[in-house]
Amino acid sequence: MISKKVSDLINEQIAHEQYAAQYYLAMSAWFQVNDLDGIANYFRVQSKEELTHADKMFDYLANVNAEAIQIKAIPQPPHDFKDAIDIFERALEHEKLVTQCIFNIVKAANEENDYSTVAFLQWFINEQVEEESNASLFLAKMKRVNDNPSALYLFDQELAQRVLEDGSND
């Protein structure tokens, strides 16, 4: 059975994932208002992906008969973005924070010889490698195209193609 300590950390991570979903939705809204629908789509899909992560963790706790699955309140995410570069910088920093939180759960699970949780979290570790890589790449691209309307248009079109793993946008 999963320990209370590890269960509590996963419950906290569920809230982090739900917060991330709201944060990315706020980012999507900024791009939508600024007529960059493709980049807005990217962050909208990112938001939905974070909710999927929260669901996976919720289901894991249910499957291992955790004593308590807690639905925690989440704070309102910021929406005071300066510009597109600021948003991509914040997205990268947020992904780094999420990675560290997941590492903290893995560390706690390892300390308790909870190999099932460690195995479960490996998917999230791999996901975070991809998330940080994408956030870093897209930040670099945004910095290159920000002052070039033609390049920004192409970047917007590139991110308009992003869909969920099941091939949908919803």
C-alpha atoms as a PDB file:
ATOM      1  CA  MET A   1       0.000   0.000   0.000  1.00  0.00           C
ATOM      2  CA  ILE A   2       1.142   3.529  -0.718  1.00  0.00           C
ATOM      3  CA  SER A   3       2.321   5.545   2.284  1.00  0.00           C
ATOM      4  CA  LYS A   4       0.575   8.657   3.497  1.00  0.00           C
ATOM      5  CA  LYS A   5       3.670  10.723   2.717  1.00  0.00           C
ATOM      6  CA  VAL A   6       3.797   9.610  -0.928  1.00  0.00           C
ATOM      7  CA  SER A   7       0.022   9.809  -1.257  1.00  0.00           C
ATOM      8  CA  ASP A   8       0.083  13.380   0.080  1.00  0.00           C
ATOM      9  CA  LEU A   9       2.800  14.342  -2.404  1.00  0.00           C
ATOM     10  CA  ILE A  10       0.806  12.893  -5.294  1.00  0.00           C
ATOM     11  CA  ASN A  11      -2.303  14.732  -4.092  1.00  0.00           C
ATOM     12  CA  GLU A  12      -0.247  17.939  -4.103  1.00  0.00           C
ATOM     13  CA  GLN A  13       0.987  17.124  -7.596  1.00  0.00           C
ATOM     14  CA  ILE A  14      -2.582  16.676  -8.805  1.00  0.00           C
ATOM     15  CA  ALA A  15      -3.213  20.263  -7.665  1.00  0.00           C
ATOM     16  CA  HIS A  16       0.014  21.388  -9.391  1.00  0.00           C
ATOM     17  CA  GLU A  17      -1.164  19.792 -12.630  1.00  0.00           C
ATOM     18  CA  GLN A  18      -4.586  21.432 -12.342  1.00  0.00           C
ATOM     19  CA  TYR A  19      -2.919  24.767 -11.645  1.00  0.00           C
ATOM     20  CA  ALA A  20      -0.698  24.267 -14.705  1.00  0.00           C
ATOM     21  CA  ALA A  21      -3.822  23.665 -16.792  1.00  0.00           C
ATOM     22  CA  GLN A  22      -5.257  26.996 -15.654  1.00  0.00           C
ATOM     23  CA  TYR A  23      -1.915  28.756 -16.138  1.00  0.00           C
ATOM     24  CA  TYR A  24      -1.635  27.509 -19.717  1.00  0.00           C
ATOM     25  CA  LEU A  25      -5.249  28.447 -20.365  1.00  0.00           C
ATOM     26  CA  ALA A  26      -4.430  32.010 -19.252  1.00  0.00           C
ATOM     27  CA  MET A  27      -1.475  31.983 -21.644  1.00  0.00           C
ATOM     28  CA  SER A  28      -3.722  30.706 -24.419  1.00  0.00           C
ATOM     29  CA  ALA A  29      -6.169  33.533 -23.748  1.00  0.00           C
ATOM     30  CA  TRP A  30      -3.396  36.130 -24.101  1.00  0.00           C
ATOM     31  CA  PHE A  31      -2.430  34.778 -27.526  1.00  0.00           C
ATOM     32  CA  GLN A  32      -6.093  34.522 -28.561  1.00  0.00           C
ATOM     33  CA  VAL A  33      -6.680  38.175 -27.703  1.00  0.00           C
ATOM     34  CA  ASN A  34      -3.521  39.090 -29.611  1.00  0.00           C
ATOM     35  CA  ASP A  35      -4.659  37.288 -32.790  1.00  0.00           C
ATOM     36  CA  LEU A  36      -2.094  34.499 -32.607  1.00  0.00           C
ATOM     37  CA  ASP A  37      -4.582  31.643 -32.770  1.00  0.00           C
ATOM     38  CA  GLY A  38      -1.990  28.972 -33.547  1.00  0.00           C
ATOM     39  CA  ILE A  39       0.071  29.730 -30.450  1.00  0.00           C
ATOM     40  CA  ALA A  40      -3.181  30.016 -28.484  1.00  0.00           C
ATOM     41  CA  ASN A  41      -3.993  26.494 -29.718  1.00  0.00           C
ATOM     42  CA  TYR A  42      -0.613  25.215 -28.507  1.00  0.00           C
ATOM     43  CA  PHE A  43      -1.248  26.476 -24.975  1.00  0.00           C
ATOM     44  CA  ARG A  44      -4.877  25.301 -25.043  1.00  0.00           C
ATOM     45  CA  VAL A  45      -3.741  21.778 -25.910  1.00  0.00           C
ATOM     46  CA  GLN A  46      -1.037  22.081 -23.248  1.00  0.00           C
ATOM     47  CA  SER A  47      -3.741  22.975 -20.725  1.00  0.00           C
ATOM     48  CA  LYS A  48      -5.761  19.895 -21.619  1.00  0.00           C
ATOM     49  CA  GLU A  49      -2.662  17.725 -21.386  1.00  0.00           C
ATOM     50  CA  GLU A  50      -2.031  18.922 -17.828  1.00  0.00           C
ATOM     51  CA  LEU A  51      -5.556  17.889 -16.855  1.00  0.00           C
ATOM     52  CA  THR A  52      -4.834  14.458 -18.309  1.00  0.00           C
ATOM     53  CA  HIS A  53      -1.745  14.260 -16.089  1.00  0.00           C
ATOM     54  CA  ALA A  54      -3.858  15.117 -13.044  1.00  0.00           C
ATOM     55  CA  ASP A  55      -6.357  12.423 -14.029  1.00  0.00           C
ATOM     56  CA  LYS A  56      -3.596   9.809 -14.353  1.00  0.00           C
ATOM     57  CA  MET A  57      -2.373  10.595 -10.857  1.00  0.00           C
ATOM     58  CA  PHE A  58      -5.902  10.564  -9.456  1.00  0.00           C
ATOM     59  CA  ASP A  59      -6.524   7.148 -11.040  1.00  0.00           C
ATOM     60  CA  TYR A  60      -3.217   5.837  -9.712  1.00  0.00           C
ATOM     61  CA  LEU A  61      -4.135   6.782  -6.158  1.00  0.00           C
ATOM     62  CA  ALA A  62      -7.495   5.054  -6.592  1.00  0.00           C
ATOM     63  CA  ASN A  63      -5.839   1.947  -8.056  1.00  0.00           C
ATOM     64  CA  VAL A  64      -3.384   1.587  -5.175  1.00  0.00           C
ATOM     65  CA  ASN A  65      -6.127   2.100  -2.601  1.00  0.00           C
ATOM     66  CA  ALA A  66      -4.654   5.276  -1.178  1.00  0.00           C
ATOM     67  CA  GLU A  67      -6.364   6.121   2.079  1.00  0.00           C
ATOM     68  CA  ALA A  68      -7.181   9.657   0.977  1.00  0.00           C
ATOM     69  CA  ILE A  69      -7.555  11.290  -2.393  1.00  0.00           C
ATOM     70  CA  GLN A  70      -7.755  14.985  -1.714  1.00  0.00           C
ATOM     71  CA  ILE A  71      -9.137  17.583  -4.060  1.00  0.00           C
ATOM     72  CA  LYS A  72      -7.107  20.660  -3.191  1.00  0.00           C
ATOM     73  CA  ALA A  73      -7.831  24.273  -3.984  1.00  0.00           C
ATOM     74  CA  ILE A  74      -5.627  25.884  -6.583  1.00  0.00           C
ATOM     75  CA  PRO A  75      -4.628  29.536  -6.697  1.00  0.00           C
ATOM     76  CA  GLN A  76      -5.551  31.784  -9.584  1.00  0.00           C
ATOM     77  CA  PRO A  77      -2.720  31.800 -12.113  1.00  0.00           C
ATOM     78  CA  PRO A  78      -1.152  35.065 -13.206  1.00  0.00           C
ATOM     79  CA  HIS A  79      -2.454  36.750 -16.325  1.00  0.00           C
ATOM     80  CA  ASP A  80      -0.291  39.882 -16.316  1.00  0.00           C
ATOM     81  CA  PHE A  81       1.908  38.854 -19.223  1.00  0.00           C
ATOM     82  CA  LYS A  82       4.187  41.520 -20.734  1.00  0.00           C
ATOM     83  CA  ASP A  83       4.564  39.919 -24.144  1.00  0.00           C
ATOM     84  CA  ALA A  84       4.913  36.618 -25.985  1.00  0.00           C
ATOM     85  CA  ILE A  85       8.512  36.086 -24.878  1.00  0.00           C
ATOM     86  CA  ASP A  86       7.495  36.591 -21.245  1.00  0.00           C
ATOM     87  CA  ILE A  87       4.863  33.881 -21.643  1.00  0.00           C
ATOM     88  CA  PHE A  88       7.280  31.355 -23.118  1.00  0.00           C
ATOM     89  CA  GLU A  89       9.842  32.152 -20.407  1.00  0.00           C
ATOM     90  CA  ARG A  90       7.216  31.560 -17.725  1.00  0.00           C
ATOM     91  CA  ALA A  91       6.123  28.324 -19.402  1.00  0.00           C
ATOM     92  CA  LEU A  92       9.706  27.021 -19.332  1.00  0.00           C
ATOM     93  CA  GLU A  93      10.166  28.006 -15.682  1.00  0.00           C
ATOM     94  CA  HIS A  94       6.876  26.349 -14.791  1.00  0.00           C
ATOM     95  CA  GLU A  95       7.888  23.101 -16.498  1.00  0.00           C
ATOM     96  CA  LYS A  96      11.149  23.119 -14.536  1.00  0.00           C
ATOM     97  CA  LEU A  97       9.151  23.518 -11.319  1.00  0.00           C
ATOM     98  CA  VAL A  98       6.855  20.618 -12.239  1.00  0.00           C
ATOM     99  CA  THR A  99       9.882  18.443 -12.998  1.00  0.00           C
ATOM    100  CA  GLN A 100      11.349  19.177  -9.564  1.00  0.00           C
ATOM    101  CA  CYS A 101       8.033  18.344  -7.878  1.00  0.00           C
ATOM    102  CA  ILE A 102       7.901  14.992  -9.638  1.00  0.00           C
ATOM    103  CA  PHE A 103      11.513  14.297  -8.677  1.00  0.00           C
ATOM    104  CA  ASN A 104      10.537  14.985  -5.046  1.00  0.00           C
ATOM    105  CA  ILE A 105       7.790  12.364  -5.237  1.00  0.00           C
ATOM    106  CA  VAL A 106      10.204   9.853  -6.788  1.00  0.00           C
ATOM    107  CA  LYS A 107      12.731  10.548  -4.035  1.00  0.00           C
ATOM    108  CA  ALA A 108      10.118   9.984  -1.328  1.00  0.00           C
ATOM    109  CA  ALA A 109       8.881   6.800  -3.013  1.00  0.00           C
ATOM    110  CA  ASN A 110      12.454   5.493  -3.304  1.00  0.00           C
ATOM    111  CA  GLU A 111      13.088   6.214   0.378  1.00  0.00           C
ATOM    112  CA  GLU A 112      10.061   4.070   1.217  1.00  0.00           C
ATOM    113  CA  ASN A 113      10.891   1.282  -1.253  1.00  0.00           C
ATOM    114  CA  ASP A 114       7.646   2.063  -3.086  1.00  0.00           C
ATOM    115  CA  TYR A 115       8.728   0.619  -6.420  1.00  0.00           C
ATOM    116  CA  SER A 116       5.221   0.663  -7.878  1.00  0.00           C
ATOM    117  CA  THR A 117       5.016   4.432  -7.515  1.00  0.00           C
ATOM    118  CA  VAL A 118       8.545   4.871  -8.853  1.00  0.00           C
ATOM    119  CA  ALA A 119       7.592   2.809 -11.916  1.00  0.00           C
ATOM    120  CA  PHE A 120       4.369   4.781 -12.349  1.00  0.00           C
ATOM    121  CA  LEU A 121       6.232   8.088 -12.167  1.00  0.00           C
ATOM    122  CA  GLN A 122       8.740   7.101 -14.842  1.00  0.00           C
ATOM    123  CA  TRP A 123       6.177   8.079 -17.483  1.00  0.00           C
ATOM    124  CA  PHE A 124       5.972  11.558 -15.928  1.00  0.00           C
ATOM    125  CA  ILE A 125       9.748  11.894 -15.835  1.00  0.00           C
ATOM    126  CA  ASN A 126       9.913  11.080 -19.552  1.00  0.00           C
ATOM    127  CA  GLU A 127       7.046  13.509 -20.185  1.00  0.00           C
ATOM    128  CA  GLN A 128       8.868  16.285 -18.338  1.00  0.00           C
ATOM    129  CA  VAL A 129      11.998  15.777 -20.431  1.00  0.00           C
ATOM    130  CA  GLU A 130       9.815  16.371 -23.499  1.00  0.00           C
ATOM    131  CA  GLU A 131       7.945  19.297 -21.893  1.00  0.00           C
ATOM    132  CA  GLU A 132      11.119  21.131 -20.893  1.00  0.00           C
ATOM    133  CA  SER A 133      12.690  20.488 -24.284  1.00  0.00           C
ATOM    134  CA  ASN A 134       9.645  21.844 -26.136  1.00  0.00           C
ATOM    135  CA  ALA A 135       9.343  24.866 -23.851  1.00  0.00           C
ATOM    136  CA  SER A 136      13.015  25.685 -24.355  1.00  0.00           C
ATOM    137  CA  LEU A 137      12.798  25.216 -28.127  1.00  0.00           C
ATOM    138  CA  PHE A 138       9.666  27.331 -28.482  1.00  0.00           C
ATOM    139  CA  LEU A 139      11.129  30.083 -26.297  1.00  0.00           C
ATOM    140  CA  ALA A 140      14.200  30.195 -28.549  1.00  0.00           C
ATOM    141  CA  LYS A 141      11.994  30.298 -31.650  1.00  0.00           C
ATOM    142  CA  MET A 142       9.812  33.051 -30.193  1.00  0.00           C
ATOM    143  CA  LYS A 143      12.895  35.138 -29.467  1.00  0.00           C
ATOM    144  CA  ARG A 144      14.015  34.715 -33.087  1.00  0.00           C
ATOM    145  CA  VAL A 145      10.671  35.484 -34.737  1.00  0.00           C
ATOM    146  CA  ASN A 146       9.168  38.043 -32.353  1.00  0.00           C
ATOM    147  CA  ASP A 147      10.144  41.118 -34.403  1.00  0.00           C
ATOM    148  CA  ASN A 148       9.566  39.524 -37.820  1.00  0.00           C
ATOM    149  CA  PRO A 149       5.862  39.403 -38.763  1.00  0.00           C
ATOM    150  CA  SER A 150       6.374  36.845 -41.558  1.00  0.00           C
ATOM    151  CA  ALA A 151       8.368  34.507 -39.324  1.00  0.00           C
ATOM    152  CA  LEU A 152       5.894  34.993 -36.477  1.00  0.00           C
ATOM    153  CA  TYR A 153       3.068  34.041 -38.845  1.00  0.00           C
ATOM    154  CA  LEU A 154       4.898  30.820 -39.780  1.00  0.00           C
ATOM    155  CA  PHE A 155       5.599  30.006 -36.125  1.00  0.00           C
ATOM    156  CA  ASP A 156       1.935  30.615 -35.319  1.00  0.00           C
ATOM    157  CA  GLN A 157       0.963  28.247 -38.139  1.00  0.00           C
ATOM    158  CA  GLU A 158       3.408  25.615 -36.832  1.00  0.00           C
ATOM    159  CA  LEU A 159       1.871  25.649 -33.368  1.00  0.00           C
ATOM    160  CA  ALA A 160      -1.640  25.576 -34.812  1.00  0.00           C
ATOM    161  CA  GLN A 161      -0.890  21.973 -35.814  1.00  0.00           C
ATOM    162  CA  ARG A 162      -0.517  20.737 -32.232  1.00  0.00           C
ATOM    163  CA  VAL A 163      -3.090  18.187 -31.140  1.00  0.00           C
ATOM    164  CA  LEU A 164      -3.503  15.877 -28.161  1.00  0.00           C
ATOM    165  CA  GLU A 165      -1.939  12.423 -28.265  1.00  0.00           C
ATOM    166  CA  ASP A 166      -5.259  10.982 -29.448  1.00  0.00           C
ATOM    167  CA  GLY A 167      -5.121  13.304 -32.464  1.00  0.00           C
ATOM    168  CA  SER A 168      -7.784  15.733 -31.235  1.00  0.00           C
ATOM    169  CA  ASN A 169      -7.739  19.310 -30.014  1.00  0.00           C
ATOM    170  CA  ASP A 170     -10.336  18.598 -27.336  1.00  0.00           C
END
